[in-house]
Amino acid sequence: MEATRTTAAVQRYLDDLRAHPESADVPELVRDLLARSSRRLHMLSASMIRRSYPRLARPPLNLSADEMLGAVVERLIKALRECRPANAREFFALANQHLRWELNDLARRLDEHTPAIALEEDAAAAHASAESSFTASARRILDALDSLGEEEREVFGLVRIQGLTHSDAAEVLGVATKTVQRRLNRGRMQLATLLGDLRPDGGTAGVDVADA
């Protein structure tokens, strides 16, 4: 499986980095590490933009996954000067953290610098209201994700955000597939409790945060 091959390759580069922290080859190892993981990082960027930050993909930013990947890679180059993830699990958690920080920074700057525009048509005003509501909901979803336990948050990120299968996520985490399923179900139940009022019927069961 591609995800398994990527995980194994990432682990080899991380082992080399930890074994030779002062080597002159470190910058090249970091570049190779990021190049090998770029496909999964691109998928993660595209998924996060589409599901949680769709307004950043529209004017005036028109943010693309390619642009986001470049920003995340730049952040990771700097981060890897100070830290050495022990395994692929820690590396992708670090990447996910920096991706969310970058997207949050972009969203905040957009909110601060978007000029107020007089809307003359009721339809346009209604659209703006819906957009504002979505933004508030998206922020609640992100806060809810952050409130999950580490195990549940990690599995949810791998399966529902990065798009890995249960077996691929189990390979990354070094656990059984059933363990991934249990953690994912626990995370879903917690999110359903926290975000149940976002459903049109006000219920809690089955809230699918990834599609929000």
N, C-alpha and C. Protein backbone atom coordinates (compact mmCIF):
# COMPACT_ATOMS: atom_id res chain seq x y z
N MET A 1 0.84 -1.19 0.00
CA MET A 1 0.00 0.00 0.00
C MET A 1 0.88 1.24 0.00
N GLU A 2 0.41 2.27 -0.71
CA GLU A 2 1.19 3.50 -0.82
C GLU A 2 1.42 4.14 0.55
N ALA A 3 0.37 4.18 1.37
CA ALA A 3 0.52 4.79 2.70
C ALA A 3 1.55 4.05 3.53
N THR A 4 1.57 2.72 3.44
CA THR A 4 2.55 1.94 4.19
C THR A 4 3.95 2.20 3.69
N ARG A 5 4.12 2.27 2.36
CA ARG A 5 5.44 2.55 1.79
C ARG A 5 5.92 3.93 2.20
N THR A 6 5.00 4.92 2.18
CA THR A 6 5.37 6.27 2.58
C THR A 6 5.80 6.29 4.04
N THR A 7 5.05 5.62 4.89
CA THR A 7 5.38 5.57 6.32
C THR A 7 6.75 4.96 6.54
N ALA A 8 7.04 3.86 5.84
CA ALA A 8 8.34 3.19 6.00
C ALA A 8 9.48 4.09 5.54
N ALA A 9 9.29 4.79 4.41
CA ALA A 9 10.33 5.67 3.90
C ALA A 9 10.56 6.84 4.84
N VAL A 10 9.46 7.43 5.32
CA VAL A 10 9.58 8.54 6.28
C VAL A 10 10.33 8.09 7.52
N GLN A 11 10.05 6.89 8.00
CA GLN A 11 10.72 6.39 9.19
C GLN A 11 12.22 6.25 8.96
N ARG A 12 12.61 5.80 7.78
CA ARG A 12 14.05 5.66 7.49
C ARG A 12 14.75 7.02 7.54
N TYR A 13 14.13 8.03 6.94
CA TYR A 13 14.74 9.37 6.97
C TYR A 13 14.80 9.91 8.40
N LEU A 14 13.77 9.69 9.18
CA LEU A 14 13.77 10.16 10.56
C LEU A 14 14.85 9.46 11.38
N ASP A 15 15.02 8.16 11.14
CA ASP A 15 16.08 7.42 11.84
C ASP A 15 17.45 7.99 11.49
N ASP A 16 17.66 8.29 10.21
CA ASP A 16 18.94 8.87 9.79
C ASP A 16 19.18 10.23 10.44
N LEU A 17 18.13 11.05 10.52
CA LEU A 17 18.26 12.37 11.13
C LEU A 17 18.61 12.27 12.61
N ARG A 18 18.00 11.32 13.29
CA ARG A 18 18.26 11.18 14.72
C ARG A 18 19.63 10.54 14.97
N ALA A 19 20.07 9.70 14.04
CA ALA A 19 21.37 9.03 14.21
C ALA A 19 22.54 9.96 13.90
N HIS A 20 22.29 10.97 13.05
CA HIS A 20 23.38 11.87 12.64
C HIS A 20 22.92 13.33 12.76
N PRO A 21 22.65 13.79 13.97
CA PRO A 21 22.08 15.13 14.16
C PRO A 21 23.00 16.26 13.74
N GLU A 22 24.32 16.04 13.73
CA GLU A 22 25.27 17.10 13.39
C GLU A 22 25.87 16.91 12.01
N SER A 23 25.39 15.96 11.25
CA SER A 23 25.96 15.67 9.94
C SER A 23 25.71 16.81 8.95
N ALA A 24 26.67 16.98 8.04
CA ALA A 24 26.51 17.98 6.98
C ALA A 24 25.40 17.58 6.01
N ASP A 25 24.98 16.33 6.07
CA ASP A 25 23.94 15.83 5.16
C ASP A 25 22.53 16.11 5.67
N VAL A 26 22.40 16.70 6.86
CA VAL A 26 21.07 16.91 7.44
C VAL A 26 20.14 17.70 6.52
N PRO A 27 20.57 18.85 5.94
CA PRO A 27 19.66 19.58 5.04
C PRO A 27 19.17 18.72 3.88
N GLU A 28 20.06 17.89 3.34
CA GLU A 28 19.65 17.02 2.23
C GLU A 28 18.68 15.95 2.71
N LEU A 29 18.92 15.41 3.91
CA LEU A 29 18.00 14.42 4.46
C LEU A 29 16.62 15.01 4.69
N VAL A 30 16.58 16.25 5.19
CA VAL A 30 15.30 16.92 5.41
C VAL A 30 14.58 17.13 4.09
N ARG A 31 15.31 17.57 3.08
CA ARG A 31 14.68 17.77 1.76
C ARG A 31 14.13 16.45 1.23
N ASP A 32 14.90 15.37 1.37
CA ASP A 32 14.43 14.06 0.88
C ASP A 32 13.21 13.59 1.67
N LEU A 33 13.23 13.82 2.98
CA LEU A 33 12.09 13.46 3.82
C LEU A 33 10.83 14.17 3.36
N LEU A 34 10.93 15.47 3.13
CA LEU A 34 9.76 16.25 2.74
C LEU A 34 9.31 15.89 1.33
N ALA A 35 10.27 15.59 0.46
CA ALA A 35 9.89 15.19 -0.90
C ALA A 35 9.14 13.86 -0.88
N ARG A 36 9.61 12.92 -0.03
CA ARG A 36 8.97 11.60 0.02
C ARG A 36 7.58 11.68 0.62
N SER A 37 7.37 12.61 1.53
CA SER A 37 6.06 12.73 2.20
C SER A 37 5.15 13.75 1.53
N SER A 38 5.61 14.37 0.43
CA SER A 38 4.86 15.49 -0.16
C SER A 38 3.47 15.08 -0.65
N ARG A 39 3.33 13.86 -1.14
CA ARG A 39 2.02 13.43 -1.65
C ARG A 39 0.99 13.41 -0.53
N ARG A 40 1.38 12.87 0.62
CA ARG A 40 0.43 12.83 1.74
C ARG A 40 0.20 14.23 2.30
N LEU A 41 1.24 15.05 2.34
CA LEU A 41 1.09 16.42 2.82
C LEU A 41 0.18 17.23 1.89
N HIS A 42 0.29 16.98 0.58
CA HIS A 42 -0.58 17.66 -0.39
C HIS A 42 -2.03 17.23 -0.18
N MET A 43 -2.24 15.94 0.02
CA MET A 43 -3.59 15.42 0.26
C MET A 43 -4.18 16.03 1.52
N LEU A 44 -3.36 16.12 2.57
CA LEU A 44 -3.82 16.71 3.82
C LEU A 44 -4.17 18.18 3.63
N SER A 45 -3.34 18.91 2.88
CA SER A 45 -3.60 20.33 2.63
C SER A 45 -4.91 20.51 1.88
N ALA A 46 -5.11 19.73 0.82
CA ALA A 46 -6.32 19.85 0.02
C ALA A 46 -7.56 19.51 0.85
N SER A 47 -7.46 18.48 1.67
CA SER A 47 -8.59 18.07 2.49
C SER A 47 -8.95 19.12 3.53
N MET A 48 -7.93 19.69 4.18
CA MET A 48 -8.19 20.71 5.21
C MET A 48 -8.82 21.95 4.60
N ILE A 49 -8.33 22.38 3.44
CA ILE A 49 -8.89 23.56 2.78
C ILE A 49 -10.34 23.29 2.40
N ARG A 50 -10.59 22.14 1.80
CA ARG A 50 -11.94 21.84 1.29
C ARG A 50 -12.95 21.69 2.42
N ARG A 51 -12.57 21.05 3.49
CA ARG A 51 -13.53 20.72 4.53
C ARG A 51 -13.67 21.78 5.62
N SER A 52 -12.58 22.46 5.96
CA SER A 52 -12.63 23.39 7.09
C SER A 52 -12.38 24.84 6.72
N TYR A 53 -11.76 25.11 5.56
CA TYR A 53 -11.42 26.49 5.20
C TYR A 53 -11.80 26.79 3.74
N PRO A 54 -12.99 26.44 3.29
CA PRO A 54 -13.31 26.62 1.86
C PRO A 54 -13.29 28.08 1.42
N ARG A 55 -13.56 29.01 2.34
CA ARG A 55 -13.56 30.42 1.93
C ARG A 55 -12.18 30.90 1.54
N LEU A 56 -11.12 30.22 2.03
CA LEU A 56 -9.76 30.62 1.65
C LEU A 56 -9.46 30.24 0.20
N ALA A 57 -10.21 29.29 -0.34
CA ALA A 57 -10.00 28.88 -1.72
C ALA A 57 -10.72 29.80 -2.71
N ARG A 58 -11.55 30.71 -2.17
CA ARG A 58 -12.28 31.64 -3.02
C ARG A 58 -11.59 33.01 -3.00
N PRO A 59 -11.96 33.92 -3.92
CA PRO A 59 -11.38 35.27 -3.89
C PRO A 59 -11.61 35.92 -2.53
N PRO A 60 -10.69 36.74 -2.05
CA PRO A 60 -9.52 37.24 -2.78
C PRO A 60 -8.27 36.37 -2.68
N LEU A 61 -8.25 35.35 -1.80
CA LEU A 61 -7.02 34.57 -1.62
C LEU A 61 -6.82 33.52 -2.71
N ASN A 62 -7.91 32.82 -3.08
CA ASN A 62 -7.81 31.74 -4.08
C ASN A 62 -6.72 30.73 -3.70
N LEU A 63 -6.70 30.36 -2.45
CA LEU A 63 -5.65 29.46 -1.95
C LEU A 63 -5.79 28.08 -2.57
N SER A 64 -4.68 27.53 -3.03
CA SER A 64 -4.66 26.18 -3.60
C SER A 64 -3.86 25.25 -2.70
N ALA A 65 -4.07 23.95 -2.90
CA ALA A 65 -3.32 22.97 -2.12
C ALA A 65 -1.83 23.06 -2.41
N ASP A 66 -1.47 23.38 -3.66
CA ASP A 66 -0.05 23.52 -4.01
C ASP A 66 0.60 24.65 -3.21
N GLU A 67 -0.10 25.78 -3.10
CA GLU A 67 0.42 26.91 -2.32
C GLU A 67 0.53 26.54 -0.85
N MET A 68 -0.48 25.84 -0.36
CA MET A 68 -0.48 25.45 1.04
C MET A 68 0.65 24.48 1.33
N LEU A 69 0.90 23.56 0.41
CA LEU A 69 1.99 22.60 0.56
C LEU A 69 3.32 23.33 0.68
N GLY A 70 3.53 24.34 -0.18
CA GLY A 70 4.77 25.09 -0.12
C GLY A 70 4.96 25.78 1.22
N ALA A 71 3.89 26.34 1.77
CA ALA A 71 3.98 27.02 3.06
C ALA A 71 4.26 26.03 4.19
N VAL A 72 3.62 24.87 4.14
CA VAL A 72 3.83 23.87 5.18
C VAL A 72 5.24 23.31 5.13
N VAL A 73 5.74 23.07 3.92
CA VAL A 73 7.11 22.57 3.78
C VAL A 73 8.10 23.58 4.36
N GLU A 74 7.88 24.85 4.09
CA GLU A 74 8.76 25.89 4.64
C GLU A 74 8.72 25.88 6.17
N ARG A 75 7.53 25.73 6.72
CA ARG A 75 7.41 25.67 8.18
C ARG A 75 8.13 24.44 8.74
N LEU A 76 7.99 23.30 8.06
CA LEU A 76 8.60 22.07 8.54
C LEU A 76 10.12 22.12 8.46
N ILE A 77 10.65 22.76 7.43
CA ILE A 77 12.11 22.91 7.33
C ILE A 77 12.64 23.63 8.57
N LYS A 78 11.95 24.69 8.97
CA LYS A 78 12.37 25.44 10.16
C LYS A 78 12.16 24.61 11.43
N ALA A 79 11.01 23.92 11.52
CA ALA A 79 10.71 23.14 12.72
C ALA A 79 11.70 22.01 12.92
N LEU A 80 12.13 21.38 11.82
CA LEU A 80 13.02 20.23 11.92
C LEU A 80 14.45 20.62 12.27
N ARG A 81 14.73 21.92 12.30
CA ARG A 81 16.03 22.36 12.81
C ARG A 81 16.09 22.25 14.32
N GLU A 82 14.92 22.29 14.95
CA GLU A 82 14.85 22.30 16.41
C GLU A 82 14.38 20.97 17.00
N CYS A 83 13.62 20.20 16.23
CA CYS A 83 13.07 18.96 16.78
C CYS A 83 13.32 17.80 15.83
N ARG A 84 13.33 16.61 16.38
CA ARG A 84 13.53 15.40 15.61
C ARG A 84 12.43 14.40 15.96
N PRO A 85 11.35 14.37 15.20
CA PRO A 85 10.30 13.38 15.48
C PRO A 85 10.88 11.97 15.51
N ALA A 86 10.43 11.18 16.45
CA ALA A 86 10.96 9.83 16.60
C ALA A 86 10.42 8.86 15.57
N ASN A 87 9.23 9.15 15.05
CA ASN A 87 8.61 8.21 14.12
C ASN A 87 7.67 8.96 13.18
N ALA A 88 7.15 8.22 12.20
CA ALA A 88 6.26 8.83 11.20
C ALA A 88 5.01 9.40 11.85
N ARG A 89 4.54 8.77 12.89
CA ARG A 89 3.37 9.25 13.62
C ARG A 89 3.62 10.66 14.14
N GLU A 90 4.77 10.88 14.79
CA GLU A 90 5.08 12.20 15.32
C GLU A 90 5.34 13.21 14.20
N PHE A 91 5.94 12.76 13.10
CA PHE A 91 6.21 13.66 11.99
C PHE A 91 4.92 14.20 11.38
N PHE A 92 3.97 13.32 11.11
CA PHE A 92 2.73 13.79 10.49
C PHE A 92 1.87 14.58 11.48
N ALA A 93 1.99 14.29 12.76
CA ALA A 93 1.31 15.12 13.76
C ALA A 93 1.90 16.53 13.74
N LEU A 94 3.23 16.62 13.61
CA LEU A 94 3.89 17.93 13.52
C LEU A 94 3.44 18.66 12.26
N ALA A 95 3.37 17.95 11.14
CA ALA A 95 2.93 18.56 9.89
C ALA A 95 1.49 19.06 10.00
N ASN A 96 0.63 18.26 10.61
CA ASN A 96 -0.77 18.64 10.77
C ASN A 96 -0.89 19.90 11.64
N GLN A 97 -0.08 19.97 12.69
CA GLN A 97 -0.11 21.13 13.57
C GLN A 97 0.29 22.39 12.81
N HIS A 98 1.36 22.32 12.02
CA HIS A 98 1.80 23.50 11.29
C HIS A 98 0.84 23.86 10.16
N LEU A 99 0.21 22.88 9.58
CA LEU A 99 -0.79 23.16 8.55
C LEU A 99 -1.94 23.96 9.15
N ARG A 100 -2.42 23.54 10.30
CA ARG A 100 -3.54 24.24 10.93
C ARG A 100 -3.13 25.63 11.38
N TRP A 101 -1.91 25.77 11.89
CA TRP A 101 -1.43 27.10 12.26
C TRP A 101 -1.39 28.03 11.05
N GLU A 102 -0.91 27.53 9.93
CA GLU A 102 -0.81 28.35 8.72
C GLU A 102 -2.21 28.74 8.23
N LEU A 103 -3.13 27.80 8.21
CA LEU A 103 -4.48 28.11 7.76
C LEU A 103 -5.18 29.07 8.71
N ASN A 104 -4.98 28.90 9.99
CA ASN A 104 -5.57 29.83 10.96
C ASN A 104 -5.00 31.24 10.79
N ASP A 105 -3.70 31.33 10.53
CA ASP A 105 -3.07 32.64 10.29
C ASP A 105 -3.67 33.31 9.05
N LEU A 106 -3.83 32.53 7.99
CA LEU A 106 -4.41 33.08 6.76
C LEU A 106 -5.85 33.54 6.99
N ALA A 107 -6.62 32.73 7.69
CA ALA A 107 -8.02 33.10 7.97
C ALA A 107 -8.09 34.36 8.82
N ARG A 108 -7.20 34.47 9.80
CA ARG A 108 -7.21 35.65 10.66
C ARG A 108 -6.82 36.91 9.89
N ARG A 109 -5.80 36.78 9.02
CA ARG A 109 -5.39 37.95 8.23
C ARG A 109 -6.49 38.35 7.25
N LEU A 110 -7.18 37.36 6.71
CA LEU A 110 -8.28 37.67 5.80
C LEU A 110 -9.37 38.43 6.53
N ASP A 111 -9.71 37.98 7.73
CA ASP A 111 -10.73 38.66 8.51
C ASP A 111 -10.32 40.09 8.85
N GLU A 112 -9.04 40.30 9.11
CA GLU A 112 -8.56 41.62 9.52
C GLU A 112 -8.47 42.62 8.38
N HIS A 113 -8.22 42.12 7.15
CA HIS A 113 -7.94 43.04 6.05
C HIS A 113 -9.01 43.09 4.98
N THR A 114 -10.04 42.24 5.09
CA THR A 114 -11.11 42.30 4.10
C THR A 114 -11.94 43.56 4.34
N PRO A 115 -12.02 44.49 3.38
CA PRO A 115 -12.77 45.73 3.59
C PRO A 115 -14.26 45.48 3.65
N ALA A 116 -14.93 46.31 4.41
CA ALA A 116 -16.39 46.22 4.47
C ALA A 116 -16.97 46.68 3.15
N ILE A 117 -17.85 45.89 2.59
CA ILE A 117 -18.46 46.20 1.30
C ILE A 117 -19.96 46.36 1.48
N ALA A 118 -20.51 47.46 0.97
CA ALA A 118 -21.95 47.69 1.07
C ALA A 118 -22.67 46.73 0.13
N LEU A 119 -23.56 45.91 0.68
CA LEU A 119 -24.30 44.95 -0.13
C LEU A 119 -25.68 45.51 -0.41
N GLU A 120 -26.02 45.60 -1.67
CA GLU A 120 -27.26 46.26 -2.06
C GLU A 120 -28.40 45.28 -2.27
N GLU A 121 -28.08 44.02 -2.53
CA GLU A 121 -29.14 43.07 -2.83
C GLU A 121 -29.36 42.15 -1.63
N ASP A 122 -30.59 41.81 -1.38
CA ASP A 122 -30.90 40.94 -0.25
C ASP A 122 -30.22 39.58 -0.39
N ALA A 123 -30.12 39.09 -1.60
CA ALA A 123 -29.49 37.79 -1.82
C ALA A 123 -28.03 37.82 -1.42
N ALA A 124 -27.36 38.89 -1.75
CA ALA A 124 -25.95 39.01 -1.39
C ALA A 124 -25.80 39.11 0.12
N ALA A 125 -26.69 39.84 0.74
CA ALA A 125 -26.65 39.97 2.20
C ALA A 125 -26.89 38.62 2.86
N ALA A 126 -27.82 37.85 2.33
CA ALA A 126 -28.10 36.53 2.88
C ALA A 126 -26.90 35.62 2.73
N HIS A 127 -26.20 35.74 1.59
CA HIS A 127 -25.01 34.92 1.36
C HIS A 127 -23.93 35.27 2.37
N ALA A 128 -23.74 36.55 2.62
CA ALA A 128 -22.72 36.98 3.58
C ALA A 128 -23.04 36.47 4.97
N SER A 129 -24.34 36.47 5.33
CA SER A 129 -24.75 35.96 6.63
C SER A 129 -24.44 34.49 6.75
N ALA A 130 -24.72 33.73 5.70
CA ALA A 130 -24.45 32.29 5.71
C ALA A 130 -22.96 32.03 5.83
N GLU A 131 -22.15 32.85 5.14
CA GLU A 131 -20.71 32.68 5.20
C GLU A 131 -20.19 32.91 6.61
N SER A 132 -20.71 33.94 7.26
CA SER A 132 -20.29 34.24 8.63
C SER A 132 -20.66 33.10 9.56
N SER A 133 -21.86 32.54 9.35
CA SER A 133 -22.30 31.43 10.18
C SER A 133 -21.41 30.22 9.99
N PHE A 134 -21.02 29.95 8.74
CA PHE A 134 -20.15 28.81 8.49
C PHE A 134 -18.81 28.99 9.19
N THR A 135 -18.27 30.20 9.12
CA THR A 135 -16.98 30.46 9.74
C THR A 135 -17.03 30.18 11.23
N ALA A 136 -18.09 30.62 11.89
CA ALA A 136 -18.24 30.37 13.32
C ALA A 136 -18.35 28.87 13.58
N SER A 137 -19.09 28.17 12.74
CA SER A 137 -19.25 26.72 12.92
C SER A 137 -17.91 26.02 12.71
N ALA A 138 -17.17 26.45 11.68
CA ALA A 138 -15.88 25.83 11.41
C ALA A 138 -14.93 26.00 12.59
N ARG A 139 -14.97 27.18 13.19
CA ARG A 139 -14.10 27.41 14.35
C ARG A 139 -14.51 26.53 15.52
N ARG A 140 -15.81 26.33 15.70
CA ARG A 140 -16.28 25.45 16.76
C ARG A 140 -15.82 24.02 16.52
N ILE A 141 -15.85 23.60 15.25
CA ILE A 141 -15.41 22.25 14.91
C ILE A 141 -13.94 22.07 15.23
N LEU A 142 -13.12 23.07 14.86
CA LEU A 142 -11.69 22.98 15.14
C LEU A 142 -11.42 22.95 16.64
N ASP A 143 -12.16 23.75 17.39
CA ASP A 143 -12.01 23.74 18.85
C ASP A 143 -12.40 22.37 19.42
N ALA A 144 -13.47 21.80 18.87
CA ALA A 144 -13.91 20.49 19.34
C ALA A 144 -12.86 19.42 19.05
N LEU A 145 -12.25 19.49 17.87
CA LEU A 145 -11.19 18.54 17.53
C LEU A 145 -10.02 18.66 18.50
N ASP A 146 -9.67 19.90 18.83
CA ASP A 146 -8.56 20.13 19.75
C ASP A 146 -8.86 19.60 21.15
N SER A 147 -10.13 19.52 21.49
CA SER A 147 -10.50 19.08 22.84
C SER A 147 -10.50 17.56 22.99
N LEU A 148 -10.41 16.82 21.87
CA LEU A 148 -10.39 15.37 21.97
C LEU A 148 -9.12 14.90 22.66
N GLY A 149 -9.18 13.69 23.20
CA GLY A 149 -7.97 13.09 23.74
C GLY A 149 -6.96 12.86 22.63
N GLU A 150 -5.69 12.73 23.01
CA GLU A 150 -4.64 12.61 21.99
C GLU A 150 -4.87 11.44 21.06
N GLU A 151 -5.25 10.29 21.60
CA GLU A 151 -5.44 9.11 20.75
C GLU A 151 -6.59 9.31 19.78
N GLU A 152 -7.71 9.85 20.27
CA GLU A 152 -8.87 10.05 19.41
C GLU A 152 -8.59 11.12 18.34
N ARG A 153 -7.93 12.21 18.75
CA ARG A 153 -7.61 13.28 17.80
C ARG A 153 -6.67 12.79 16.71
N GLU A 154 -5.72 11.98 17.09
CA GLU A 154 -4.73 11.47 16.14
C GLU A 154 -5.40 10.56 15.10
N VAL A 155 -6.23 9.63 15.56
CA VAL A 155 -6.91 8.72 14.65
C VAL A 155 -7.88 9.48 13.75
N PHE A 156 -8.61 10.42 14.33
CA PHE A 156 -9.56 11.19 13.54
C PHE A 156 -8.84 11.95 12.43
N GLY A 157 -7.68 12.52 12.77
CA GLY A 157 -6.92 13.26 11.77
C GLY A 157 -6.43 12.37 10.63
N LEU A 158 -5.95 11.17 10.97
CA LEU A 158 -5.44 10.27 9.95
C LEU A 158 -6.54 9.75 9.03
N VAL A 159 -7.67 9.35 9.63
CA VAL A 159 -8.73 8.70 8.85
C VAL A 159 -9.66 9.70 8.19
N ARG A 160 -10.17 10.67 8.96
CA ARG A 160 -11.21 11.56 8.45
C ARG A 160 -10.65 12.79 7.74
N ILE A 161 -9.41 13.19 8.07
CA ILE A 161 -8.84 14.37 7.44
C ILE A 161 -7.82 13.99 6.38
N GLN A 162 -6.87 13.09 6.75
CA GLN A 162 -5.87 12.71 5.77
C GLN A 162 -6.40 11.66 4.79
N GLY A 163 -7.47 10.98 5.14
CA GLY A 163 -8.08 10.04 4.21
C GLY A 163 -7.46 8.65 4.21
N LEU A 164 -6.69 8.29 5.25
CA LEU A 164 -6.11 6.96 5.31
C LEU A 164 -7.19 5.93 5.64
N THR A 165 -6.99 4.70 5.16
CA THR A 165 -7.88 3.61 5.56
C THR A 165 -7.57 3.24 7.01
N HIS A 166 -8.46 2.47 7.61
CA HIS A 166 -8.24 2.04 8.99
C HIS A 166 -6.95 1.23 9.10
N SER A 167 -6.69 0.37 8.12
CA SER A 167 -5.48 -0.46 8.18
C SER A 167 -4.22 0.38 8.00
N ASP A 168 -4.28 1.38 7.11
CA ASP A 168 -3.12 2.26 6.91
C ASP A 168 -2.86 3.10 8.16
N ALA A 169 -3.93 3.60 8.78
CA ALA A 169 -3.77 4.37 10.02
C ALA A 169 -3.18 3.48 11.11
N ALA A 170 -3.62 2.23 11.17
CA ALA A 170 -3.07 1.30 12.16
C ALA A 170 -1.59 1.08 11.94
N GLU A 171 -1.17 1.02 10.67
CA GLU A 171 0.25 0.86 10.34
C GLU A 171 1.06 2.06 10.81
N VAL A 172 0.53 3.26 10.58
CA VAL A 172 1.23 4.48 11.01
C VAL A 172 1.36 4.53 12.53
N LEU A 173 0.30 4.13 13.23
CA LEU A 173 0.27 4.25 14.69
C LEU A 173 0.89 3.05 15.40
N GLY A 174 1.09 1.96 14.67
CA GLY A 174 1.64 0.76 15.28
C GLY A 174 0.66 0.06 16.21
N VAL A 175 -0.63 0.08 15.84
CA VAL A 175 -1.66 -0.57 16.65
C VAL A 175 -2.51 -1.46 15.74
N ALA A 176 -3.42 -2.20 16.35
CA ALA A 176 -4.32 -3.05 15.57
C ALA A 176 -5.41 -2.22 14.90
N THR A 177 -5.93 -2.74 13.79
CA THR A 177 -7.00 -2.04 13.09
C THR A 177 -8.21 -1.84 13.99
N LYS A 178 -8.52 -2.82 14.81
CA LYS A 178 -9.67 -2.68 15.72
C LYS A 178 -9.44 -1.56 16.73
N THR A 179 -8.19 -1.34 17.10
CA THR A 179 -7.89 -0.23 18.02
C THR A 179 -8.18 1.10 17.34
N VAL A 180 -7.81 1.22 16.06
CA VAL A 180 -8.13 2.43 15.30
C VAL A 180 -9.63 2.64 15.26
N GLN A 181 -10.38 1.58 14.99
CA GLN A 181 -11.84 1.69 14.91
C GLN A 181 -12.44 2.13 16.24
N ARG A 182 -11.93 1.57 17.35
CA ARG A 182 -12.44 1.96 18.67
C ARG A 182 -12.15 3.42 18.96
N ARG A 183 -10.93 3.86 18.67
CA ARG A 183 -10.57 5.26 18.93
C ARG A 183 -11.38 6.21 18.05
N LEU A 184 -11.60 5.82 16.81
CA LEU A 184 -12.38 6.65 15.90
C LEU A 184 -13.82 6.76 16.40
N ASN A 185 -14.39 5.65 16.85
CA ASN A 185 -15.75 5.68 17.36
C ASN A 185 -15.86 6.54 18.62
N ARG A 186 -14.84 6.44 19.51
CA ARG A 186 -14.86 7.29 20.70
C ARG A 186 -14.81 8.76 20.31
N GLY A 187 -13.95 9.09 19.33
CA GLY A 187 -13.85 10.48 18.88
C GLY A 187 -15.15 10.97 18.29
N ARG A 188 -15.81 10.13 17.51
CA ARG A 188 -17.09 10.52 16.90
C ARG A 188 -18.14 10.78 17.97
N MET A 189 -18.17 9.93 18.99
CA MET A 189 -19.15 10.12 20.05
C MET A 189 -18.90 11.43 20.80
N GLN A 190 -17.64 11.73 21.08
CA GLN A 190 -17.31 12.97 21.77
C GLN A 190 -17.68 14.18 20.92
N LEU A 191 -17.37 14.11 19.62
CA LEU A 191 -17.69 15.23 18.73
C LEU A 191 -19.20 15.39 18.59
N ALA A 192 -19.91 14.27 18.54
CA ALA A 192 -21.37 14.35 18.44
C ALA A 192 -21.96 15.07 19.65
N THR A 193 -21.39 14.80 20.83
CA THR A 193 -21.86 15.47 22.04
C THR A 193 -21.56 16.96 22.01
N LEU A 194 -20.37 17.31 21.54
CA LEU A 194 -19.94 18.71 21.53
C LEU A 194 -20.62 19.52 20.43
N LEU A 195 -20.94 18.86 19.31
CA LEU A 195 -21.39 19.60 18.13
C LEU A 195 -22.79 19.21 17.68
N GLY A 196 -23.53 18.50 18.52
CA GLY A 196 -24.84 18.03 18.12
C GLY A 196 -25.79 19.14 17.70
N ASP A 197 -25.66 20.34 18.29
CA ASP A 197 -26.57 21.43 17.96
C ASP A 197 -26.34 22.00 16.58
N LEU A 198 -25.24 21.58 15.90
CA LEU A 198 -25.00 22.06 14.54
C LEU A 198 -25.87 21.31 13.53
N ARG A 199 -26.41 20.16 13.95
CA ARG A 199 -27.30 19.42 13.05
C ARG A 199 -28.63 20.13 12.93
N PRO A 200 -29.24 20.09 11.74
CA PRO A 200 -30.53 20.76 11.55
C PRO A 200 -31.60 20.30 12.53
N ASP A 201 -31.57 19.00 12.92
CA ASP A 201 -32.62 18.49 13.80
C ASP A 201 -32.27 18.62 15.28
N GLY A 202 -31.04 19.17 15.54
CA GLY A 202 -30.63 19.38 16.94
C GLY A 202 -30.19 18.13 17.64
N GLY A 203 -30.11 16.97 16.90
CA GLY A 203 -29.70 15.73 17.52
C GLY A 203 -28.21 15.66 17.67
N THR A 204 -27.74 14.50 18.18
CA THR A 204 -26.33 14.34 18.40
C THR A 204 -25.74 13.15 17.67
N ALA A 205 -26.50 12.13 17.41
CA ALA A 205 -25.94 10.92 16.85
C ALA A 205 -25.50 11.13 15.41
N GLY A 206 -24.31 10.58 15.11
CA GLY A 206 -23.88 10.52 13.72
C GLY A 206 -23.34 11.82 13.16
N VAL A 207 -22.97 12.77 13.98
CA VAL A 207 -22.42 14.02 13.44
C VAL A 207 -21.14 13.69 12.70
N ASP A 208 -21.05 14.11 11.43
CA ASP A 208 -19.87 13.86 10.60
C ASP A 208 -19.10 15.16 10.46
N VAL A 209 -18.13 15.36 11.34
CA VAL A 209 -17.41 16.62 11.37
C VAL A 209 -16.64 16.84 10.10
N ALA A 210 -16.11 15.80 9.49
CA ALA A 210 -15.29 15.96 8.31
C ALA A 210 -16.06 16.56 7.15
N ASP A 211 -17.37 16.40 7.14
CA ASP A 211 -18.17 16.93 6.05
C ASP A 211 -18.79 18.26 6.39
N ALA A 212 -18.45 18.84 7.55
CA ALA A 212 -19.05 20.10 7.96
C ALA A 212 -18.54 21.25 7.11
